[in-house]
Each structure stands twice: as structure tokens, then as C-alpha cells.
C-alpha atoms as a PDB file:
ATOM      1  CA  UNK A   1       1.778 -49.708 -33.895  1.00  0.00           C
ATOM      2  CA  UNK A   2       3.634 -47.481 -36.360  1.00  0.00           C
ATOM      3  CA  UNK A   3       0.407 -46.347 -37.998  1.00  0.00           C
ATOM      4  CA  UNK A   4      -1.176 -45.474 -34.622  1.00  0.00           C
ATOM      5  CA  UNK A   5       1.832 -43.400 -33.526  1.00  0.00           C
ATOM      6  CA  UNK A   6       1.934 -41.680 -36.877  1.00  0.00           C
ATOM      7  CA  UNK A   7      -1.736 -40.718 -36.533  1.00  0.00           C
ATOM      8  CA  UNK A   8      -1.265 -39.397 -33.009  1.00  0.00           C
ATOM      9  CA  UNK A   9       1.616 -37.043 -33.886  1.00  0.00           C
ATOM     10  CA  UNK A  10      -0.434 -34.649 -36.070  1.00  0.00           C
ATOM     11  CA  UNK A  11      -3.085 -34.500 -33.353  1.00  0.00           C
ATOM     12  CA  UNK A  12      -0.470 -33.554 -30.723  1.00  0.00           C
ATOM     13  CA  UNK A  13       1.024 -30.932 -33.011  1.00  0.00           C
ATOM     14  CA  UNK A  14      -2.422 -29.507 -33.668  1.00  0.00           C
ATOM     15  CA  UNK A  15      -3.142 -29.211 -29.909  1.00  0.00           C
ATOM     16  CA  UNK A  16       0.250 -27.574 -29.254  1.00  0.00           C
ATOM     17  CA  UNK A  17      -0.217 -25.083 -32.083  1.00  0.00           C
ATOM     18  CA  UNK A  18      -3.692 -24.277 -30.801  1.00  0.00           C
ATOM     19  CA  UNK A  19      -2.334 -23.696 -27.289  1.00  0.00           C
ATOM     20  CA  UNK A  20       0.361 -21.391 -28.667  1.00  0.00           C
ATOM     21  CA  UNK A  21      -2.221 -19.437 -30.625  1.00  0.00           C
ATOM     22  CA  UNK A  22      -4.402 -19.002 -27.515  1.00  0.00           C
ATOM     23  CA  UNK A  23      -1.388 -17.818 -25.471  1.00  0.00           C
ATOM     24  CA  UNK A  24      -0.467 -15.327 -28.183  1.00  0.00           C
ATOM     25  CA  UNK A  25      -4.042 -13.998 -28.344  1.00  0.00           C
ATOM     26  CA  UNK A  26      -4.072 -13.538 -24.568  1.00  0.00           C
ATOM     27  CA  UNK A  27      -0.787 -11.664 -24.729  1.00  0.00           C
ATOM     28  CA  UNK A  28      -2.189  -9.355 -27.383  1.00  0.00           C
ATOM     29  CA  UNK A  29      -5.201  -8.643 -25.134  1.00  0.00           C
ATOM     30  CA  UNK A  30      -3.087  -6.835 -22.515  1.00  0.00           C
ATOM     31  CA  UNK A  31      -4.400  -3.274 -22.187  1.00  0.00           C
ATOM     32  CA  UNK A  32      -2.842  -0.101 -20.846  1.00  0.00           C
ATOM     33  CA  UNK A  33      -4.504   1.121 -17.647  1.00  0.00           C
ATOM     34  CA  UNK A  34      -5.551   4.766 -17.888  1.00  0.00           C
ATOM     35  CA  UNK A  35      -6.515   7.463 -15.366  1.00  0.00           C
ATOM     36  CA  UNK A  36      -8.907  10.144 -16.644  1.00  0.00           C
ATOM     37  CA  UNK A  37     -10.782  13.206 -15.446  1.00  0.00           C
ATOM     38  CA  UNK A  38     -14.250  14.105 -16.726  1.00  0.00           C
ATOM     39  CA  UNK A  39     -15.825  17.513 -16.124  1.00  0.00           C
ATOM     40  CA  UNK A  40     -19.593  17.972 -16.391  1.00  0.00           C
ATOM     41  CA  UNK A  41     -21.075  21.313 -17.429  1.00  0.00           C
ATOM     42  CA  UNK A  42     -24.579  22.393 -16.432  1.00  0.00           C
ATOM     43  CA  UNK A  43     -24.926  24.586 -19.511  1.00  0.00           C
ATOM     44  CA  UNK A  44     -24.154  21.748 -21.929  1.00  0.00           C
ATOM     45  CA  UNK A  45     -26.758  19.147 -23.029  1.00  0.00           C
ATOM     46  CA  UNK A  46     -26.294  15.727 -21.378  1.00  0.00           C
ATOM     47  CA  UNK A  47     -24.308  13.195 -23.381  1.00  0.00           C
ATOM     48  CA  UNK A  48     -23.261   9.612 -22.696  1.00  0.00           C
ATOM     49  CA  UNK A  49     -19.639   9.456 -21.587  1.00  0.00           C
ATOM     50  CA  UNK A  50     -17.584   6.437 -22.673  1.00  0.00           C
ATOM     51  CA  UNK A  51     -16.332   4.258 -19.830  1.00  0.00           C
ATOM     52  CA  UNK A  52     -13.813   1.678 -21.046  1.00  0.00           C
ATOM     53  CA  UNK A  53     -13.899  -1.600 -19.124  1.00  0.00           C
ATOM     54  CA  UNK A  54     -12.294  -5.004 -19.724  1.00  0.00           C
ATOM     55  CA  UNK A  55     -12.488  -8.558 -18.426  1.00  0.00           C
ATOM     56  CA  UNK A  56     -10.977  -9.033 -14.931  1.00  0.00           C
ATOM     57  CA  UNK A  57     -10.015  -5.350 -14.717  1.00  0.00           C
ATOM     58  CA  UNK A  58     -11.238  -3.089 -11.897  1.00  0.00           C
ATOM     59  CA  UNK A  59     -12.537   0.347 -12.862  1.00  0.00           C
ATOM     60  CA  UNK A  60     -13.001   2.904 -10.063  1.00  0.00           C
ATOM     61  CA  UNK A  61     -15.106   6.029 -10.676  1.00  0.00           C
ATOM     62  CA  UNK A  62     -14.984   8.797  -8.044  1.00  0.00           C
ATOM     63  CA  UNK A  63     -17.325  11.786  -7.857  1.00  0.00           C
ATOM     64  CA  UNK A  64     -16.701  15.183  -6.275  1.00  0.00           C
ATOM     65  CA  UNK A  65     -20.342  15.307  -5.100  1.00  0.00           C
ATOM     66  CA  UNK A  66     -22.504  12.682  -3.330  1.00  0.00           C
ATOM     67  CA  UNK A  67     -24.447  10.279  -5.539  1.00  0.00           C
ATOM     68  CA  UNK A  68     -27.566   8.141  -4.983  1.00  0.00           C
ATOM     69  CA  UNK A  69     -26.427   4.491  -4.848  1.00  0.00           C
ATOM     70  CA  UNK A  70     -29.963   3.260  -5.610  1.00  0.00           C
ATOM     71  CA  UNK A  71     -29.908   5.087  -8.943  1.00  0.00           C
ATOM     72  CA  UNK A  72     -27.463   2.531 -10.367  1.00  0.00           C
ATOM     73  CA  UNK A  73     -29.402  -0.227 -12.179  1.00  0.00           C
ATOM     74  CA  UNK A  74     -27.500  -3.364 -11.212  1.00  0.00           C
ATOM     75  CA  UNK A  75     -29.661  -5.614 -13.396  1.00  0.00           C
ATOM     76  CA  UNK A  76     -28.271  -3.907 -16.498  1.00  0.00           C
ATOM     77  CA  UNK A  77     -24.726  -4.587 -15.312  1.00  0.00           C
ATOM     78  CA  UNK A  78     -25.230  -8.140 -14.006  1.00  0.00           C
ATOM     79  CA  UNK A  79     -24.557  -9.997 -17.305  1.00  0.00           C
ATOM     80  CA  UNK A  80     -21.152  -8.349 -17.735  1.00  0.00           C
ATOM     81  CA  UNK A  81     -19.785  -7.645 -14.234  1.00  0.00           C
ATOM     82  CA  UNK A  82     -18.771  -9.866 -11.324  1.00  0.00           C
ATOM     83  CA  UNK A  83     -18.541  -6.932  -8.924  1.00  0.00           C
ATOM     84  CA  UNK A  84     -20.602  -3.746  -8.649  1.00  0.00           C
ATOM     85  CA  UNK A  85     -20.025  -1.627  -5.525  1.00  0.00           C
ATOM     86  CA  UNK A  86     -21.701   1.759  -5.127  1.00  0.00           C
ATOM     87  CA  UNK A  87     -20.885   4.085  -2.235  1.00  0.00           C
ATOM     88  CA  UNK A  88     -21.620   7.711  -1.396  1.00  0.00           C
ATOM     89  CA  UNK A  89     -19.139   9.079  -3.917  1.00  0.00           C
ATOM     90  CA  UNK A  90     -17.431   6.015  -5.426  1.00  0.00           C
ATOM     91  CA  UNK A  91     -18.432   3.425  -8.019  1.00  0.00           C
ATOM     92  CA  UNK A  92     -16.339   0.248  -8.373  1.00  0.00           C
ATOM     93  CA  UNK A  93     -16.796  -2.125 -11.306  1.00  0.00           C
ATOM     94  CA  UNK A  94     -15.062  -5.395 -12.150  1.00  0.00           C
ATOM     95  CA  UNK A  95     -15.976  -6.851 -15.514  1.00  0.00           C
ATOM     96  CA  UNK A  96     -16.314 -10.623 -15.889  1.00  0.00           C
ATOM     97  CA  UNK A  97     -15.982 -10.373 -19.685  1.00  0.00           C
ATOM     98  CA  UNK A  98     -15.225  -7.930 -22.454  1.00  0.00           C
ATOM     99  CA  UNK A  99     -18.334  -6.036 -23.550  1.00  0.00           C
ATOM    100  CA  UNK A 100     -19.494  -7.443 -26.930  1.00  0.00           C
ATOM    101  CA  UNK A 101     -19.853  -4.940 -29.757  1.00  0.00           C
ATOM    102  CA  UNK A 102     -23.441  -3.814 -30.155  1.00  0.00           C
ATOM    103  CA  UNK A 103     -24.408  -4.796 -26.588  1.00  0.00           C
ATOM    104  CA  UNK A 104     -22.861  -1.883 -24.662  1.00  0.00           C
ATOM    105  CA  UNK A 105     -24.943  -1.238 -21.496  1.00  0.00           C
ATOM    106  CA  UNK A 106     -25.807   2.300 -20.417  1.00  0.00           C
ATOM    107  CA  UNK A 107     -25.213   3.267 -16.783  1.00  0.00           C
ATOM    108  CA  UNK A 108     -26.958   6.280 -15.239  1.00  0.00           C
ATOM    109  CA  UNK A 109     -25.836   7.780 -11.912  1.00  0.00           C
ATOM    110  CA  UNK A 110     -27.962  10.419 -10.151  1.00  0.00           C
ATOM    111  CA  UNK A 111     -26.448  13.044  -7.852  1.00  0.00           C
ATOM    112  CA  UNK A 112     -27.853  13.322  -4.327  1.00  0.00           C
ATOM    113  CA  UNK A 113     -27.816  17.069  -3.731  1.00  0.00           C
ATOM    114  CA  UNK A 114     -29.442  19.949  -5.565  1.00  0.00           C
ATOM    115  CA  UNK A 115     -27.742  21.537  -8.522  1.00  0.00           C
ATOM    116  CA  UNK A 116     -26.979  20.753 -12.107  1.00  0.00           C
ATOM    117  CA  UNK A 117     -26.434  18.476 -13.834  1.00  0.00           C
ATOM    118  CA  UNK A 118     -28.719  16.167 -11.915  1.00  0.00           C
ATOM    119  CA  UNK A 119     -27.254  12.972 -13.363  1.00  0.00           C
ATOM    120  CA  UNK A 120     -24.474  11.582 -15.503  1.00  0.00           C
ATOM    121  CA  UNK A 121     -24.686   8.755 -18.037  1.00  0.00           C
ATOM    122  CA  UNK A 122     -21.979   6.325 -19.137  1.00  0.00           C
ATOM    123  CA  UNK A 123     -21.851   3.893 -22.033  1.00  0.00           C
ATOM    124  CA  UNK A 124     -19.692   0.910 -21.072  1.00  0.00           C
ATOM    125  CA  UNK A 125     -17.434  -0.278 -23.870  1.00  0.00           C
ATOM    126  CA  UNK A 126     -14.346  -2.435 -24.381  1.00  0.00           C
ATOM    127  CA  UNK A 127     -11.491  -1.355 -26.625  1.00  0.00           C
ATOM    128  CA  UNK A 128      -8.362  -3.269 -27.559  1.00  0.00           C
ATOM    129  CA  UNK A 129      -5.592  -0.992 -26.340  1.00  0.00           C
ATOM    130  CA  UNK A 130      -6.839   0.684 -23.130  1.00  0.00           C
ATOM    131  CA  UNK A 131      -8.966   0.251 -20.027  1.00  0.00           C
ATOM    132  CA  UNK A 132     -10.070   2.950 -17.582  1.00  0.00           C
ATOM    133  CA  UNK A 133      -8.537   2.125 -14.214  1.00  0.00           C
ATOM    134  CA  UNK A 134      -9.328   5.411 -12.399  1.00  0.00           C
ATOM    135  CA  UNK A 135     -11.888   7.996 -13.512  1.00  0.00           C
ATOM    136  CA  UNK A 136     -12.589  11.229 -11.617  1.00  0.00           C
ATOM    137  CA  UNK A 137     -15.904  12.953 -12.342  1.00  0.00           C
ATOM    138  CA  UNK A 138     -16.273  16.633 -11.496  1.00  0.00           C
ATOM    139  CA  UNK A 139     -19.889  17.732 -11.379  1.00  0.00           C
ATOM    140  CA  UNK A 140     -19.209  21.381 -12.093  1.00  0.00           C
ATOM    141  CA  UNK A 141     -16.033  22.678 -13.685  1.00  0.00           C
ATOM    142  CA  UNK A 142     -14.228  25.584 -12.074  1.00  0.00           C
ATOM    143  CA  UNK A 143     -14.754  29.023 -13.576  1.00  0.00           C
ATOM    144  CA  UNK A 144     -11.985  31.289 -14.802  1.00  0.00           C
ATOM    145  CA  UNK A 145     -12.459  33.335 -11.632  1.00  0.00           C
ATOM    146  CA  UNK A 146     -11.960  30.232  -9.473  1.00  0.00           C
ATOM    147  CA  UNK A 147      -8.817  29.288 -11.398  1.00  0.00           C
ATOM    148  CA  UNK A 148      -7.486  32.837 -11.064  1.00  0.00           C
ATOM    149  CA  UNK A 149      -8.017  32.795  -7.293  1.00  0.00           C
ATOM    150  CA  UNK A 150      -6.319  29.391  -7.012  1.00  0.00           C
ATOM    151  CA  UNK A 151      -3.368  30.666  -9.051  1.00  0.00           C
ATOM    152  CA  UNK A 152      -3.046  33.754  -6.827  1.00  0.00           C
ATOM    153  CA  UNK A 153      -3.116  31.568  -3.706  1.00  0.00           C
ATOM    154  CA  UNK A 154      -0.427  29.296  -5.155  1.00  0.00           C
ATOM    155  CA  UNK A 155       1.772  32.277  -6.013  1.00  0.00           C
ATOM    156  CA  UNK A 156       1.419  33.664  -2.484  1.00  0.00           C
ATOM    157  CA  UNK A 157       2.324  30.306  -0.952  1.00  0.00           C
ATOM    158  CA  UNK A 158       5.285  29.972  -3.311  1.00  0.00           C
ATOM    159  CA  UNK A 159       6.506  33.416  -2.259  1.00  0.00           C
ATOM    160  CA  UNK A 160       6.315  32.468   1.425  1.00  0.00           C
ATOM    161  CA  UNK A 161       8.095  29.176   0.742  1.00  0.00           C
ATOM    162  CA  UNK A 162      10.807  30.910  -1.262  1.00  0.00           C
ATOM    163  CA  UNK A 163      11.379  33.394   1.562  1.00  0.00           C
ATOM    164  CA  UNK A 164      11.819  30.528   4.003  1.00  0.00           C
ATOM    165  CA  UNK A 165      14.188  28.760   1.620  1.00  0.00           C
ATOM    166  CA  UNK A 166      16.242  31.938   1.229  1.00  0.00           C
ATOM    167  CA  UNK A 167      16.728  32.065   4.995  1.00  0.00           C
ATOM    168  CA  UNK A 168      17.755  28.410   5.094  1.00  0.00           C
ATOM    169  CA  UNK A 169      20.175  28.915   2.197  1.00  0.00           C
ATOM    170  CA  UNK A 170      21.810  31.810   4.035  1.00  0.00           C
ATOM    171  CA  UNK A 171      22.133  29.722   7.194  1.00  0.00           C
ATOM    172  CA  UNK A 172      23.647  26.814   5.264  1.00  0.00           C
ATOM    173  CA  UNK A 173      26.098  29.129   3.504  1.00  0.00           C
ATOM    174  CA  UNK A 174      27.307  30.493   6.869  1.00  0.00           C
ATOM    175  CA  UNK A 175      27.581  27.371   8.984  1.00  0.00           C
ATOM    176  CA  UNK A 176      29.809  26.760  11.970  1.00  0.00           C
ATOM    177  CA  UNK A 177      30.857  29.124  14.752  1.00  0.00           C
ATOM    178  CA  UNK A 178      32.001  31.810  12.333  1.00  0.00           C
ATOM    179  CA  UNK A 179      28.679  31.627  10.494  1.00  0.00           C
ATOM    180  CA  UNK A 180      26.779  31.962  13.767  1.00  0.00           C
ATOM    181  CA  UNK A 181      28.719  35.136  14.546  1.00  0.00           C
ATOM    182  CA  UNK A 182      28.233  36.466  11.026  1.00  0.00           C
ATOM    183  CA  UNK A 183      24.485  35.799  11.138  1.00  0.00           C
ATOM    184  CA  UNK A 184      24.188  37.542  14.524  1.00  0.00           C
ATOM    185  CA  UNK A 185      23.110  34.412  16.345  1.00  0.00           C
ATOM    186  CA  UNK A 186      26.114  34.762  18.658  1.00  0.00           C
ATOM    187  CA  UNK A 187      27.032  38.269  19.826  1.00  0.00           C
ATOM    188  CA  UNK A 188      29.653  39.580  22.222  1.00  0.00           C
ATOM    189  CA  UNK A 189      27.205  38.980  25.046  1.00  0.00           C
ATOM    190  CA  UNK A 190      28.015  35.292  24.528  1.00  0.00           C
ATOM    191  CA  UNK A 191      25.989  32.137  25.072  1.00  0.00           C
ATOM    192  CA  UNK A 192      24.310  31.213  28.356  1.00  0.00           C
ATOM    193  CA  UNK A 193      23.857  27.546  29.211  1.00  0.00           C
ATOM    194  CA  UNK A 194      20.838  26.339  31.157  1.00  0.00           C
ATOM    195  CA  UNK A 195      19.215  22.960  31.814  1.00  0.00           C
ATOM    196  CA  UNK A 196      15.601  21.849  31.531  1.00  0.00           C
ATOM    197  CA  UNK A 197      13.997  19.649  34.197  1.00  0.00           C
ATOM    198  CA  UNK A 198      15.238  16.064  34.177  1.00  0.00           C
ATOM    199  CA  UNK A 199      11.844  14.376  33.848  1.00  0.00           C
ATOM    200  CA  UNK A 200       9.889  15.393  30.750  1.00  0.00           C
ATOM    201  CA  UNK A 201       6.603  13.621  30.085  1.00  0.00           C
ATOM    202  CA  UNK A 202       7.144  10.558  27.885  1.00  0.00           C
ATOM    203  CA  UNK A 203       4.963   9.913  24.837  1.00  0.00           C
ATOM    204  CA  UNK A 204       6.348   6.470  23.886  1.00  0.00           C
ATOM    205  CA  UNK A 205       9.894   7.898  23.882  1.00  0.00           C
ATOM    206  CA  UNK A 206      12.442   8.527  26.651  1.00  0.00           C
ATOM    207  CA  UNK A 207      14.581  11.660  26.964  1.00  0.00           C
ATOM    208  CA  UNK A 208      17.959  11.096  28.584  1.00  0.00           C
ATOM    209  CA  UNK A 209      19.624  14.076  30.275  1.00  0.00           C
ATOM    210  CA  UNK A 210      21.275  16.404  30.448  1.00  0.00           C
ATOM    211  CA  UNK A 211      18.757  18.530  28.523  1.00  0.00           C
ATOM    212  CA  UNK A 212      20.982  21.487  27.630  1.00  0.00           C
ATOM    213  CA  UNK A 213      19.419  24.798  26.652  1.00  0.00           C
ATOM    214  CA  UNK A 214      21.688  27.317  24.931  1.00  0.00           C
ATOM    215  CA  UNK A 215      20.569  30.957  25.049  1.00  0.00           C
ATOM    216  CA  UNK A 216      21.810  33.895  22.991  1.00  0.00           C
ATOM    217  CA  UNK A 217      20.211  37.302  22.411  1.00  0.00           C
ATOM    218  CA  UNK A 218      17.035  35.994  20.759  1.00  0.00           C
ATOM    219  CA  UNK A 219      17.945  32.441  19.751  1.00  0.00           C
ATOM    220  CA  UNK A 220      17.440  29.261  21.746  1.00  0.00           C
ATOM    221  CA  UNK A 221      18.724  25.750  21.033  1.00  0.00           C
ATOM    222  CA  UNK A 222      17.843  22.647  23.034  1.00  0.00           C
ATOM    223  CA  UNK A 223      20.032  19.548  22.909  1.00  0.00           C
ATOM    224  CA  UNK A 224      18.820  16.293  24.407  1.00  0.00           C
ATOM    225  CA  UNK A 225      19.115  12.563  23.831  1.00  0.00           C
ATOM    226  CA  UNK A 226      16.131  10.428  22.830  1.00  0.00           C
ATOM    227  CA  UNK A 227      15.891   6.682  23.384  1.00  0.00           C
ATOM    228  CA  UNK A 228      13.549   4.486  21.359  1.00  0.00           C
ATOM    229  CA  UNK A 229      12.472   1.533  23.472  1.00  0.00           C
ATOM    230  CA  UNK A 230      13.143  -2.039  22.390  1.00  0.00           C
ATOM    231  CA  UNK A 231      10.226  -3.555  20.513  1.00  0.00           C
ATOM    232  CA  UNK A 232       8.858  -0.179  19.402  1.00  0.00           C
ATOM    233  CA  UNK A 233       8.496   0.950  15.801  1.00  0.00           C
ATOM    234  CA  UNK A 234      11.338   2.988  14.251  1.00  0.00           C
ATOM    235  CA  UNK A 235      11.176   6.640  15.265  1.00  0.00           C
ATOM    236  CA  UNK A 236      11.527   9.194  12.438  1.00  0.00           C
ATOM    237  CA  UNK A 237      12.298  12.777  13.596  1.00  0.00           C
ATOM    238  CA  UNK A 238       9.585  15.258  12.803  1.00  0.00           C
ATOM    239  CA  UNK A 239       9.191  18.640  14.487  1.00  0.00           C
ATOM    240  CA  UNK A 240       9.138  20.533  17.765  1.00  0.00           C
ATOM    241  CA  UNK A 241       5.863  22.185  18.751  1.00  0.00           C
ATOM    242  CA  UNK A 242       5.840  25.203  21.070  1.00  0.00           C
ATOM    243  CA  UNK A 243       2.524  26.164  22.646  1.00  0.00           C
ATOM    244  CA  UNK A 244       2.434  29.465  24.596  1.00  0.00           C
ATOM    245  CA  UNK A 245       1.025  29.455  28.142  1.00  0.00           C
ATOM    246  CA  UNK A 246       0.232  32.232  30.579  1.00  0.00           C
ATOM    247  CA  UNK A 247      -2.333  34.944  31.368  1.00  0.00           C
ATOM    248  CA  UNK A 248      -1.368  37.039  28.334  1.00  0.00           C
ATOM    249  CA  UNK A 249      -0.725  34.202  25.865  1.00  0.00           C
ATOM    250  CA  UNK A 250      -4.222  34.161  24.385  1.00  0.00           C
ATOM    251  CA  UNK A 251      -4.105  34.716  20.622  1.00  0.00           C
ATOM    252  CA  UNK A 252      -0.444  33.810  20.310  1.00  0.00           C
ATOM    253  CA  UNK A 253       0.151  31.165  17.606  1.00  0.00           C
ATOM    254  CA  UNK A 254       1.452  27.656  18.170  1.00  0.00           C
ATOM    255  CA  UNK A 255       4.805  27.398  16.410  1.00  0.00           C
ATOM    256  CA  UNK A 256       6.608  24.409  14.928  1.00  0.00           C
ATOM    257  CA  UNK A 257      10.315  23.944  14.195  1.00  0.00           C
ATOM    258  CA  UNK A 258      12.268  21.137  12.504  1.00  0.00           C
ATOM    259  CA  UNK A 259      14.191  18.612  14.579  1.00  0.00           C
ATOM    260  CA  UNK A 260      17.867  18.058  13.785  1.00  0.00           C
ATOM    261  CA  UNK A 261      19.366  14.599  14.159  1.00  0.00           C
ATOM    262  CA  UNK A 262      22.473  13.064  12.573  1.00  0.00           C
ATOM    263  CA  UNK A 263      20.714   9.784  11.761  1.00  0.00           C
ATOM    264  CA  UNK A 264      17.550   9.457   9.670  1.00  0.00           C
ATOM    265  CA  UNK A 265      15.676   7.387  12.246  1.00  0.00           C
ATOM    266  CA  UNK A 266      15.994   5.604  15.563  1.00  0.00           C
ATOM    267  CA  UNK A 267      15.622   1.839  15.364  1.00  0.00           C
ATOM    268  CA  UNK A 268      14.213  -0.033  18.387  1.00  0.00           C
ATOM    269  CA  UNK A 269      16.669   0.265  21.273  1.00  0.00           C
ATOM    270  CA  UNK A 270      18.731   3.032  19.628  1.00  0.00           C
ATOM    271  CA  UNK A 271      19.591   6.432  21.122  1.00  0.00           C
ATOM    272  CA  UNK A 272      20.716   9.688  19.487  1.00  0.00           C
ATOM    273  CA  UNK A 273      21.123  13.396  20.156  1.00  0.00           C
ATOM    274  CA  UNK A 274      18.286  15.635  18.972  1.00  0.00           C
ATOM    275  CA  UNK A 275      18.552  19.419  18.604  1.00  0.00           C
ATOM    276  CA  UNK A 276      15.873  22.039  17.998  1.00  0.00           C
ATOM    277  CA  UNK A 277      16.451  25.765  17.439  1.00  0.00           C
ATOM    278  CA  UNK A 278      13.907  28.567  17.756  1.00  0.00           C
ATOM    279  CA  UNK A 279      13.678  32.331  18.093  1.00  0.00           C
ATOM    280  CA  UNK A 280      11.974  34.225  20.887  1.00  0.00           C
ATOM    281  CA  UNK A 281       9.239  36.577  19.571  1.00  0.00           C
ATOM    282  CA  UNK A 282      10.248  40.228  20.149  1.00  0.00           C
ATOM    283  CA  UNK A 283       6.769  41.151  21.460  1.00  0.00           C
ATOM    284  CA  UNK A 284       6.461  38.233  23.884  1.00  0.00           C
ATOM    285  CA  UNK A 285       4.109  39.197  26.771  1.00  0.00           C
ATOM    286  CA  UNK A 286       5.506  39.100  30.296  1.00  0.00           C
ATOM    287  CA  UNK A 287       4.785  35.925  32.250  1.00  0.00           C
ATOM    288  CA  UNK A 288       4.590  33.723  29.147  1.00  0.00           C
ATOM    289  CA  UNK A 289       6.183  30.281  29.100  1.00  0.00           C
ATOM    290  CA  UNK A 290       5.870  27.408  26.617  1.00  0.00           C
ATOM    291  CA  UNK A 291       4.936  23.750  26.402  1.00  0.00           C
ATOM    292  CA  UNK A 292       7.681  22.164  24.301  1.00  0.00           C
ATOM    293  CA  UNK A 293       7.083  18.873  22.478  1.00  0.00           C
ATOM    294  CA  UNK A 294       9.633  16.923  20.421  1.00  0.00           C
ATOM    295  CA  UNK A 295       7.614  14.721  18.049  1.00  0.00           C
ATOM    296  CA  UNK A 296       8.038  12.209  15.257  1.00  0.00           C
ATOM    297  CA  UNK A 297       6.989  12.823  11.649  1.00  0.00           C
ATOM    298  CA  UNK A 298       3.362  11.853  12.447  1.00  0.00           C
ATOM    299  CA  UNK A 299       3.195  14.122  15.509  1.00  0.00           C
ATOM    300  CA  UNK A 300       2.383  11.193  17.806  1.00  0.00           C
ATOM    301  CA  UNK A 301       5.473   9.854  19.634  1.00  0.00           C
ATOM    302  CA  UNK A 302       7.990  11.952  21.525  1.00  0.00           C
ATOM    303  CA  UNK A 303       8.525  13.814  24.804  1.00  0.00           C
ATOM    304  CA  UNK A 304       7.050  16.959  26.366  1.00  0.00           C
ATOM    305  CA  UNK A 305       8.138  19.643  28.834  1.00  0.00           C
ATOM    306  CA  UNK A 306       5.189  21.501  30.335  1.00  0.00           C
ATOM    307  CA  UNK A 307       6.912  24.784  31.277  1.00  0.00           C
ATOM    308  CA  UNK A 308       9.876  26.120  29.335  1.00  0.00           C
ATOM    309  CA  UNK A 309      10.991  29.677  30.026  1.00  0.00           C
ATOM    310  CA  UNK A 310      11.484  31.909  26.958  1.00  0.00           C
END
């Protein structure tokens, strides 16, 4: 009995050491997932682009132009991949094994529309440290003129945004009743109080009156109370949309304003006061009224008044 046990112990130790070695090798095989962008140039000769894949890892390749799914030779990929999905502008690969050195398959993808280059080629490889998780392929790189136009557009949008932020900063710096007087929102003519109709149209929300409308020289502020019904999804405040109506309203833009609420959202069954402020356009045509909607962040749920006087 002693000799049998003694002979078994080395075998057990050998198995345990082998298991530890396998676990360590698997740990070392962990690769960093990478996202890359590849730009093709029509004026450059075609070259094979490396696409790094690995066992049990999904690699997604997106194209900025439609491709021909039938141009992908699945038989070349079959020995190495458990999943090959080709769509109009997306290629999804899941490798069943690491690609052996010297057996790297070549994948060719043809573009559907006219233009150059007509196709793109990939050589599928496996490296120790990295795997391509997301690859974006741009068929034609943007010219310096395109980049310059995009930069000019971004600068213009930044200037508009900065102007809006400057106005908001000034309003925040002069808050309260004194700030309203200082900013000219309230003048010596005072504030008139009016009320909107009691029954606005419900869009999965309920408005509880009174719906108080405060009027100054050119500023309006509506205060109402919104109720989120029990069993509904949480309601996150979004914006108010004002759509002009009337015989002379054609060509006037639809305007949107932020909603103010002291809580971040309304849970099912909760109720809170909502306020929206807007300014009356100085050149508003006679006979114009507005459809006023108070909406959530997605622009779907809220309430609507069909006719609101300016």
C-alpha cells in the first residue's frame, strides 16, 4: 500500500503543475482590444491591410460606403472562424482559433458603388498583445479643403454656442427679483398674470392647474404642474416647443426652450412644478398664436396647448 501511494503522489503533482502551467499560459494570452481607423486612397497602389483577430474575440469592420456581401469568400475563412456575418456596410468576424503563423488568410471586400478604390484587401493575423475589436474603413480620405470647411463650420457653431452661454452666464449672475429688474425682464410696467385653458391635450402626462402665465414687456413664463401616472416610465424634463399658427405665420421658425424643474425627473405617480420662459419676437405678425408643447428629453411624452396668445 505504501509503495502504491508513493507512486501516485508524483503523478498527482505532475497533473497539478500541468494545470497551473495551462492556466498561466491562458492568462498570458489576454489581449488588449483596439479600435482603429483605416483610410483608403484612390491615388495609392492597393496594399493588404493587417486585420488582427484572436480566438473567441469578435472583430467588427464598418465601411463608410456600401459593400458587396457576395464578394467575401467565406470558404477561405471557414477553417478559422465560427461566425462570418456580412451586411451592407458591416463585416463581423468571430475567430474560433488563433491564426497559425504562415497560414494567414487574405480577405477581399468589393465596394458596391462606382468610384475608387474598387476593393480593399485584408490579411488576417494574430498577434500576442492586441486584437482589433472595432475597425472603421473610410473609402476616400477627406481633402484639405474638406477639413478646412469642417473646421470653419465647427468654429461658427462654437461661436453661436459661446454667445448663448454668455447670455446664460449673465442671467445666472443676476438671479432673483433684483436680477430680473437689472436685466430688464421686469420694468415699471410690472407683470401681468394670465391663465391658460384648464384642459391641455395629454401626451402620456397630465397637467394640473392652475396654468399661470406671467407676462412682462417681451418675456413670458408659464408655470404649471405635471403629473406622471402610476405605472409609467420616469419622466425626464426636456424642452418646450412653440409652433407659430395663423395666416401670416408661414416661414416663421419653430422654437424650443429648456424646461425648468427642481427635481431631475418625475417617478411614476410623482408631481412637480414645471416652468418655461420665452421671448416674444419683436416682428411677430398680427393674428399669430402658438401651439405650446412641454416635452420630455426624447420629445415624446408631455402636454400640449393648441392656441397660446403671444
